């Protein structure tokens, strides 16, 4: 029976305790457990995969994503060679670095894998004394889209003031200060292209990183109402493209969160089809500018 293909599998990870194999499959999407070595350390990881891309998640290491790779080129869009690798999220009150607020970037996460239609979804959660974090990572069959949602909930007794969610991937583009790599950061009425530190108000709902040597683009969308500003910065030999959330007080039981989407493109024409189909959602006023910028990069103009 086809309904049996809608499988739900769960795995619970505490540090490096025993892990049972989890598998969910339907259509083109799968989720499997693997052994994974990162910077000489061995972990239990989960691979989300479809016919185009794969994403590798390490639940016991902050639930972070350490690989987001186009299968045809095997080029990882994330830098997992740094001391704080991959795509991670943090939260903190005003004045905190974020890492001090529960240390979620380092904590082990409980993980559940679920199959819904053409999607495979990884649910992850962890908690400290006064905060609970829940996040989902979703792949869809036939698409390079990686959707990430994070939510932090106050489970303590006191109000947490000006909680700020930050999502920041350490990306491979621009690594080792590759001066030919290009970052496009839109603002109303203009576009910044640089490989230097930049703070920009998050009004336009998209930005991108392009590596002309491998001809691959990391295209990112987000909800401006959830993001205060975008922060591109060089940390060591790698760039971070960080989303800075809007500070918000959270009483007991209240939450703050953010949703972002990642896509890998290898040709400008792909973007046109994605915009037309709605696979990439964007403001109508931004679509002409997005098409112009992406086409120029792939055509080397």
Protein backbone atom coordinates (compact mmCIF):
# COMPACT_ATOMS: atom_id res chain seq x y z
CA UNK A 1 0.00 0.00 0.00
CA UNK A 2 1.27 3.42 -0.99
CA UNK A 3 0.25 4.84 2.36
CA UNK A 4 2.88 2.65 3.94
CA UNK A 5 5.49 4.74 2.17
CA UNK A 6 4.57 7.67 4.39
CA UNK A 7 6.92 6.52 7.09
CA UNK A 8 7.80 8.22 10.32
CA UNK A 9 11.09 7.26 11.92
CA UNK A 10 12.60 8.61 15.12
CA UNK A 11 16.07 8.66 16.58
CA UNK A 12 17.26 10.15 19.85
CA UNK A 13 20.82 11.27 20.31
CA UNK A 14 22.41 12.13 23.65
CA UNK A 15 26.08 12.93 23.17
CA UNK A 16 27.43 9.82 21.47
CA UNK A 17 25.11 7.25 22.97
CA UNK A 18 23.68 4.42 20.88
CA UNK A 19 21.89 5.48 17.74
CA UNK A 20 19.39 3.37 15.86
CA UNK A 21 19.26 3.58 12.08
CA UNK A 22 16.41 5.74 10.83
CA UNK A 23 15.12 5.70 7.26
CA UNK A 24 12.28 7.48 5.56
CA UNK A 25 11.69 7.29 1.84
CA UNK A 26 9.04 8.13 -0.71
CA UNK A 27 9.58 9.27 -4.27
CA UNK A 28 12.99 10.85 -4.55
CA UNK A 29 13.65 11.91 -0.94
CA UNK A 30 15.47 9.85 1.67
CA UNK A 31 16.93 10.26 5.14
CA UNK A 32 19.58 7.86 6.43
CA UNK A 33 22.04 7.69 9.30
CA UNK A 34 25.78 7.58 8.59
CA UNK A 35 29.05 7.76 10.47
CA UNK A 36 30.70 11.10 9.78
CA UNK A 37 34.16 12.46 10.53
CA UNK A 38 34.60 16.19 11.03
CA UNK A 39 37.96 17.70 11.94
CA UNK A 40 39.16 14.33 13.17
CA UNK A 41 36.11 13.76 15.39
CA UNK A 42 33.63 10.96 14.67
CA UNK A 43 29.90 11.68 14.82
CA UNK A 44 26.57 10.10 13.99
CA UNK A 45 25.00 12.16 11.21
CA UNK A 46 21.77 12.21 9.23
CA UNK A 47 21.80 12.66 5.44
CA UNK A 48 18.75 14.26 3.81
CA UNK A 49 18.90 13.58 0.09
CA UNK A 50 16.98 13.81 -3.16
CA UNK A 51 17.99 13.36 -6.81
CA UNK A 52 19.76 16.75 -6.90
CA UNK A 53 21.23 17.63 -3.51
CA UNK A 54 22.14 16.25 -0.12
CA UNK A 55 22.36 17.90 3.28
CA UNK A 56 24.32 16.38 6.17
CA UNK A 57 23.16 17.20 9.70
CA UNK A 58 25.01 16.36 12.94
CA UNK A 59 22.36 16.24 15.71
CA UNK A 60 24.86 15.78 18.53
CA UNK A 61 26.82 18.87 17.44
CA UNK A 62 24.17 21.57 17.79
CA UNK A 63 21.94 20.10 15.10
CA UNK A 64 24.05 21.98 12.58
CA UNK A 65 24.18 21.34 8.83
CA UNK A 66 27.75 20.65 7.72
CA UNK A 67 27.13 19.79 4.07
CA UNK A 68 24.78 21.22 1.47
CA UNK A 69 26.02 19.77 -1.79
CA UNK A 70 24.92 19.54 -5.40
CA UNK A 71 25.32 15.84 -6.17
CA UNK A 72 26.40 16.36 -9.79
CA UNK A 73 29.44 18.46 -8.80
CA UNK A 74 30.03 17.29 -5.19
CA UNK A 75 30.79 20.92 -4.29
CA UNK A 76 29.84 21.69 -0.68
CA UNK A 77 28.34 25.16 -0.28
CA UNK A 78 29.24 25.15 3.42
CA UNK A 79 32.71 25.39 4.91
CA UNK A 80 33.17 22.58 7.42
CA UNK A 81 36.91 23.11 7.91
CA UNK A 82 36.66 25.95 10.43
CA UNK A 83 36.56 25.74 14.21
CA UNK A 84 32.82 26.50 14.16
CA UNK A 85 31.74 24.83 10.90
CA UNK A 86 28.60 24.67 8.82
CA UNK A 87 25.18 26.25 9.15
CA UNK A 88 24.06 26.89 12.73
CA UNK A 89 21.70 29.14 14.66
CA UNK A 90 21.95 30.87 18.01
CA UNK A 91 19.89 33.19 20.19
CA UNK A 92 20.72 35.62 22.95
CA UNK A 93 19.42 38.57 24.90
CA UNK A 94 20.65 42.04 24.04
CA UNK A 95 24.39 42.27 24.61
CA UNK A 96 24.96 38.50 24.49
CA UNK A 97 26.95 36.82 21.78
CA UNK A 98 24.24 34.22 21.36
CA UNK A 99 26.56 31.32 22.09
CA UNK A 100 26.27 32.00 25.80
CA UNK A 101 22.48 31.64 25.76
CA UNK A 102 22.15 27.91 26.30
CA UNK A 103 25.09 27.02 24.07
CA UNK A 104 22.71 25.46 21.55
CA UNK A 105 25.34 25.47 18.79
CA UNK A 106 27.17 22.79 20.80
CA UNK A 107 24.35 20.83 22.49
CA UNK A 108 23.04 17.43 21.35
CA UNK A 109 19.59 17.53 19.76
CA UNK A 110 16.75 15.02 19.77
CA UNK A 111 15.85 14.30 16.16
CA UNK A 112 12.74 13.00 14.41
CA UNK A 113 12.55 12.27 10.68
CA UNK A 114 9.23 12.47 8.88
CA UNK A 115 8.07 11.93 5.32
CA UNK A 116 5.22 14.09 4.01
CA UNK A 117 4.33 13.80 0.34
CA UNK A 118 7.37 14.82 -1.71
CA UNK A 119 9.22 16.20 1.30
CA UNK A 120 11.56 14.70 3.85
CA UNK A 121 11.70 16.69 7.09
CA UNK A 122 14.12 16.57 9.98
CA UNK A 123 12.75 17.91 13.28
CA UNK A 124 15.32 18.76 15.97
CA UNK A 125 14.89 20.04 19.51
CA UNK A 126 16.96 20.77 22.60
CA UNK A 127 16.52 22.74 25.82
CA UNK A 128 18.48 24.62 28.46
CA UNK A 129 17.26 25.98 31.81
CA UNK A 130 15.13 28.75 30.32
CA UNK A 131 15.01 28.17 26.56
CA UNK A 132 13.80 25.47 24.21
CA UNK A 133 14.86 25.45 20.57
CA UNK A 134 12.95 23.67 17.82
CA UNK A 135 14.01 23.59 14.20
CA UNK A 136 13.02 21.85 10.99
CA UNK A 137 15.10 21.18 7.89
CA UNK A 138 13.19 20.20 4.75
CA UNK A 139 14.15 18.88 1.32
CA UNK A 140 11.65 18.56 -1.53
CA UNK A 141 11.85 16.04 -4.38
CA UNK A 142 13.20 17.50 -7.62
CA UNK A 143 14.44 20.74 -6.04
CA UNK A 144 17.70 22.07 -4.59
CA UNK A 145 15.68 23.99 -2.00
CA UNK A 146 16.74 23.54 1.62
CA UNK A 147 14.25 25.11 4.01
CA UNK A 148 15.28 25.90 7.59
CA UNK A 149 12.94 27.06 10.35
CA UNK A 150 14.06 27.82 13.89
CA UNK A 151 12.01 28.74 16.97
CA UNK A 152 13.24 29.60 20.47
CA UNK A 153 10.69 29.46 23.31
CA UNK A 154 11.06 30.90 26.80
CA UNK A 155 10.45 28.01 29.23
CA UNK A 156 11.74 29.90 32.26
CA UNK A 157 9.88 32.06 34.75
CA UNK A 158 11.36 35.46 33.87
CA UNK A 159 10.88 37.53 30.73
CA UNK A 160 13.83 37.36 28.36
CA UNK A 161 14.55 40.82 27.02
CA UNK A 162 15.25 41.58 23.37
CA UNK A 163 15.91 38.03 22.27
CA UNK A 164 17.79 38.02 18.98
CA UNK A 165 17.82 34.98 16.68
CA UNK A 166 20.82 34.64 14.40
CA UNK A 167 21.26 32.14 11.57
CA UNK A 168 24.71 32.12 10.09
CA UNK A 169 26.20 29.65 7.66
CA UNK A 170 29.94 29.50 7.25
CA UNK A 171 30.07 29.22 3.47
CA UNK A 172 32.68 27.94 1.05
CA UNK A 173 32.32 30.89 -1.34
CA UNK A 174 35.03 33.44 -0.65
CA UNK A 175 37.07 30.91 1.32
CA UNK A 176 40.76 31.72 1.69
CA UNK A 177 39.79 35.22 0.53
CA UNK A 178 39.09 34.17 -3.06
CA UNK A 179 38.86 37.64 -4.58
CA UNK A 180 37.02 36.46 -7.72
CA UNK A 181 34.04 35.21 -5.69
CA UNK A 182 31.08 37.58 -5.58
CA UNK A 183 28.52 38.42 -2.89
CA UNK A 184 25.37 40.27 -3.98
CA UNK A 185 23.56 42.11 -1.20
CA UNK A 186 20.51 44.08 -2.37
CA UNK A 187 19.24 47.31 -0.89
CA UNK A 188 16.31 49.43 -2.05
CA UNK A 189 17.46 51.07 -5.27
CA UNK A 190 20.95 49.56 -5.39
CA UNK A 191 22.98 46.38 -5.12
CA UNK A 192 26.24 45.84 -3.25
CA UNK A 193 28.81 43.49 -4.74
CA UNK A 194 31.85 42.88 -2.61
CA UNK A 195 33.93 40.41 -0.66
CA UNK A 196 34.38 42.63 2.39
CA UNK A 197 32.46 43.01 5.64
CA UNK A 198 29.03 44.56 5.16
CA UNK A 199 25.92 45.29 7.23
CA UNK A 200 22.73 45.81 5.23
CA UNK A 201 19.09 46.32 6.21
CA UNK A 202 17.06 43.24 5.29
CA UNK A 203 14.34 44.86 3.16
CA UNK A 204 14.49 42.95 -0.11
CA UNK A 205 14.08 39.30 0.91
CA UNK A 206 17.08 37.79 -0.92
CA UNK A 207 20.85 37.75 -1.34
CA UNK A 208 23.41 35.46 -2.94
CA UNK A 209 26.99 34.20 -3.16
CA UNK A 210 28.57 33.19 -6.48
CA UNK A 211 31.70 31.16 -7.16
CA UNK A 212 32.69 31.77 -10.81
CA UNK A 213 35.27 29.00 -10.81
CA UNK A 214 32.78 26.22 -10.13
CA UNK A 215 29.87 28.16 -11.70
CA UNK A 216 27.62 27.63 -8.71
CA UNK A 217 25.44 30.11 -6.88
CA UNK A 218 24.06 29.94 -3.35
CA UNK A 219 20.79 31.85 -3.61
CA UNK A 220 18.98 32.68 -0.36
CA UNK A 221 15.53 34.01 0.49
CA UNK A 222 13.98 35.07 3.80
CA UNK A 223 11.08 36.99 5.32
CA UNK A 224 12.05 40.65 5.86
CA UNK A 225 9.54 40.95 8.69
CA UNK A 226 11.63 38.41 10.66
CA UNK A 227 15.10 39.78 9.83
CA UNK A 228 16.52 43.11 10.96
CA UNK A 229 19.72 43.13 8.94
CA UNK A 230 22.14 40.99 6.94
CA UNK A 231 25.76 40.68 8.01
CA UNK A 232 28.53 39.49 5.71
CA UNK A 233 31.84 39.07 7.45
CA UNK A 234 35.14 37.27 7.13
CA UNK A 235 35.99 35.02 10.07
CA UNK A 236 39.40 33.40 9.68
CA UNK A 237 39.51 32.14 6.11
CA UNK A 238 35.74 31.77 5.66
CA UNK A 239 32.80 34.07 5.10
CA UNK A 240 29.57 34.06 7.08
CA UNK A 241 26.32 35.31 5.58
CA UNK A 242 24.41 35.96 8.77
CA UNK A 243 20.76 36.79 9.37
CA UNK A 244 20.20 39.06 12.38
CA UNK A 245 16.65 38.73 13.72
CA UNK A 246 14.48 41.49 15.11
CA UNK A 247 14.98 41.82 18.90
CA UNK A 248 11.84 40.87 20.80
CA UNK A 249 10.94 40.41 24.47
CA UNK A 250 9.68 36.90 25.26
CA UNK A 251 7.56 36.20 28.34
CA UNK A 252 7.16 32.66 29.64
CA UNK A 253 5.76 30.51 26.82
CA UNK A 254 6.46 33.09 24.11
CA UNK A 255 8.74 32.44 21.13
CA UNK A 256 10.94 34.12 18.57
CA UNK A 257 11.89 32.53 15.28
CA UNK A 258 13.04 32.75 11.68
CA UNK A 259 12.61 30.92 8.36
CA UNK A 260 15.12 30.94 5.48
CA UNK A 261 15.52 29.08 2.18
CA UNK A 262 18.68 28.03 0.35
CA UNK A 263 18.98 27.10 -3.33
CA UNK A 264 21.92 26.01 -5.50
CA UNK A 265 21.90 27.33 -9.08
CA UNK A 266 24.21 26.46 -11.97
CA UNK A 267 22.59 28.56 -14.72
CA UNK A 268 20.60 31.77 -14.93
CA UNK A 269 17.73 30.07 -16.73
CA UNK A 270 17.07 27.88 -13.69
CA UNK A 271 16.16 30.93 -11.66
CA UNK A 272 13.61 32.15 -14.23
CA UNK A 273 11.79 28.81 -14.09
CA UNK A 274 11.89 28.75 -10.28
CA UNK A 275 10.47 32.26 -10.02
CA UNK A 276 7.74 31.52 -12.56
CA UNK A 277 6.73 28.28 -10.82
CA UNK A 278 6.77 29.85 -7.37
CA UNK A 279 9.50 27.48 -6.16
CA UNK A 280 11.45 30.64 -5.30
CA UNK A 281 9.12 33.21 -3.78
CA UNK A 282 10.11 36.86 -4.11
CA UNK A 283 8.51 40.27 -4.10
CA UNK A 284 7.22 41.15 -7.59
CA UNK A 285 9.23 44.36 -7.50
CA UNK A 286 12.42 42.36 -6.85
CA UNK A 287 12.03 39.76 -9.61
CA UNK A 288 13.42 41.90 -12.47
CA UNK A 289 16.46 42.85 -10.41
CA UNK A 290 17.07 39.26 -9.32
CA UNK A 291 16.92 38.04 -12.93
CA UNK A 292 19.28 40.80 -14.08
CA UNK A 293 21.87 40.16 -11.38
CA UNK A 294 21.85 36.38 -11.72
CA UNK A 295 22.02 36.42 -15.51
CA UNK A 296 24.93 38.88 -15.44
CA UNK A 297 26.92 36.69 -13.10
CA UNK A 298 26.47 33.48 -15.10
CA UNK A 299 27.22 35.32 -18.36
CA UNK A 300 30.24 37.02 -16.77
CA UNK A 301 29.02 40.55 -17.46
